[in-house]
Amino acid sequence: MAATYVSTEPRSTVSMFDAYATDFLGGLRARWMQYRAYRRTLAELRGLPKRTLDDLNFDRGDLAGAVHREVYGH
């Protein structure tokens, strides 16, 4: 049977902070990318003529809500 090594040293607070910072920054970046997708999509749809929006079955007043549901999922 092979011996296993178990460290008795406490976890480094630096590594825990690094993990927290990485998770935080990753989440922040993901939210920023969602926001950018929302703004870009909304701007593109607002730039379409009314006839095209009618063909897509969209009303100008519903654009923000529809894009929000599509990008953020709620």
C-alpha atoms as a PDB file:
ATOM      1  CA  MET A   1       0.000   0.000   0.000  1.00  0.00           C
ATOM      2  CA  ALA A   2       1.351   3.429  -0.967  1.00  0.00           C
ATOM      3  CA  ALA A   3       1.717   6.075   1.703  1.00  0.00           C
ATOM      4  CA  THR A   4      -0.180   9.307   1.203  1.00  0.00           C
ATOM      5  CA  TYR A   5       0.955  12.689   2.333  1.00  0.00           C
ATOM      6  CA  VAL A   6      -1.478  14.926   4.196  1.00  0.00           C
ATOM      7  CA  SER A   7      -0.352  18.448   4.955  1.00  0.00           C
ATOM      8  CA  THR A   8      -0.855  19.643   8.488  1.00  0.00           C
ATOM      9  CA  GLU A   9      -0.174  23.249   7.502  1.00  0.00           C
ATOM     10  CA  PRO A  10      -3.167  25.601   7.449  1.00  0.00           C
ATOM     11  CA  ARG A  11      -4.374  26.751   4.053  1.00  0.00           C
ATOM     12  CA  SER A  12      -2.701  29.862   2.853  1.00  0.00           C
ATOM     13  CA  THR A  13      -4.969  32.890   2.991  1.00  0.00           C
ATOM     14  CA  VAL A  14      -3.269  34.169  -0.131  1.00  0.00           C
ATOM     15  CA  SER A  15      -4.441  31.189  -2.174  1.00  0.00           C
ATOM     16  CA  MET A  16      -7.981  31.545  -0.815  1.00  0.00           C
ATOM     17  CA  PHE A  17      -7.938  35.240  -1.707  1.00  0.00           C
ATOM     18  CA  ASP A  18      -6.632  34.438  -5.191  1.00  0.00           C
ATOM     19  CA  ALA A  19      -9.440  31.949  -5.707  1.00  0.00           C
ATOM     20  CA  TYR A  20     -12.031  34.463  -4.494  1.00  0.00           C
ATOM     21  CA  ALA A  21     -10.596  37.243  -6.666  1.00  0.00           C
ATOM     22  CA  THR A  22     -10.526  34.972  -9.702  1.00  0.00           C
ATOM     23  CA  ASP A  23     -14.149  33.929  -9.166  1.00  0.00           C
ATOM     24  CA  PHE A  24     -15.218  37.521  -8.561  1.00  0.00           C
ATOM     25  CA  LEU A  25     -13.443  38.874 -11.625  1.00  0.00           C
ATOM     26  CA  GLY A  26     -14.715  36.016 -13.781  1.00  0.00           C
ATOM     27  CA  GLY A  27     -18.279  36.724 -12.692  1.00  0.00           C
ATOM     28  CA  LEU A  28     -17.817  40.435 -13.235  1.00  0.00           C
ATOM     29  CA  ARG A  29     -16.496  39.816 -16.727  1.00  0.00           C
ATOM     30  CA  ALA A  30     -19.414  37.499 -17.539  1.00  0.00           C
ATOM     31  CA  ARG A  31     -21.933  40.118 -16.383  1.00  0.00           C
ATOM     32  CA  TRP A  32     -20.152  42.810 -18.403  1.00  0.00           C
ATOM     33  CA  MET A  33     -20.267  40.628 -21.523  1.00  0.00           C
ATOM     34  CA  GLN A  34     -24.003  40.035 -21.000  1.00  0.00           C
ATOM     35  CA  TYR A  35     -24.590  43.758 -20.620  1.00  0.00           C
ATOM     36  CA  ARG A  36     -22.655  44.456 -23.810  1.00  0.00           C
ATOM     37  CA  ALA A  37     -24.660  41.822 -25.687  1.00  0.00           C
ATOM     38  CA  TYR A  38     -27.874  43.403 -24.382  1.00  0.00           C
ATOM     39  CA  ARG A  39     -26.895  46.927 -25.442  1.00  0.00           C
ATOM     40  CA  ARG A  40     -25.576  45.808 -28.841  1.00  0.00           C
ATOM     41  CA  THR A  41     -28.650  43.710 -29.643  1.00  0.00           C
ATOM     42  CA  LEU A  42     -31.032  46.433 -28.506  1.00  0.00           C
ATOM     43  CA  ALA A  43     -29.230  49.046 -30.615  1.00  0.00           C
ATOM     44  CA  GLU A  44     -29.354  46.805 -33.685  1.00  0.00           C
ATOM     45  CA  LEU A  45     -33.066  46.112 -33.293  1.00  0.00           C
ATOM     46  CA  ARG A  46     -33.864  49.774 -32.644  1.00  0.00           C
ATOM     47  CA  GLY A  47     -32.087  50.615 -35.891  1.00  0.00           C
ATOM     48  CA  LEU A  48     -34.415  48.423 -37.945  1.00  0.00           C
ATOM     49  CA  PRO A  49     -37.295  49.997 -39.850  1.00  0.00           C
ATOM     50  CA  LYS A  50     -40.839  49.476 -38.578  1.00  0.00           C
ATOM     51  CA  ARG A  51     -41.725  47.177 -41.466  1.00  0.00           C
ATOM     52  CA  THR A  52     -38.874  44.799 -40.603  1.00  0.00           C
ATOM     53  CA  LEU A  53     -39.885  44.801 -36.938  1.00  0.00           C
ATOM     54  CA  ASP A  54     -43.449  44.037 -37.982  1.00  0.00           C
ATOM     55  CA  ASP A  55     -42.165  41.105 -40.075  1.00  0.00           C
ATOM     56  CA  LEU A  56     -40.301  39.843 -36.991  1.00  0.00           C
ATOM     57  CA  ASN A  57     -43.469  40.337 -34.915  1.00  0.00           C
ATOM     58  CA  PHE A  58     -41.851  42.961 -32.646  1.00  0.00           C
ATOM     59  CA  ASP A  59     -43.249  46.241 -31.443  1.00  0.00           C
ATOM     60  CA  ARG A  60     -40.778  49.029 -30.595  1.00  0.00           C
ATOM     61  CA  GLY A  61     -42.156  49.196 -27.056  1.00  0.00           C
ATOM     62  CA  ASP A  62     -41.446  45.501 -26.493  1.00  0.00           C
ATOM     63  CA  LEU A  63     -37.850  45.483 -27.707  1.00  0.00           C
ATOM     64  CA  ALA A  64     -36.115  46.138 -24.373  1.00  0.00           C
ATOM     65  CA  GLY A  65     -38.093  43.422 -22.584  1.00  0.00           C
ATOM     66  CA  ALA A  66     -37.616  40.872 -25.351  1.00  0.00           C
ATOM     67  CA  VAL A  67     -33.877  41.499 -25.568  1.00  0.00           C
ATOM     68  CA  HIS A  68     -33.546  41.392 -21.766  1.00  0.00           C
ATOM     69  CA  ARG A  69     -35.298  38.009 -21.608  1.00  0.00           C
ATOM     70  CA  GLU A  70     -33.125  36.651 -24.415  1.00  0.00           C
ATOM     71  CA  VAL A  71     -29.784  37.826 -23.014  1.00  0.00           C
ATOM     72  CA  TYR A  72     -30.372  37.379 -19.284  1.00  0.00           C
ATOM     73  CA  GLY A  73     -32.826  34.506 -19.467  1.00  0.00           C
ATOM     74  CA  HIS A  74     -35.589  35.992 -17.313  1.00  0.00           C
END
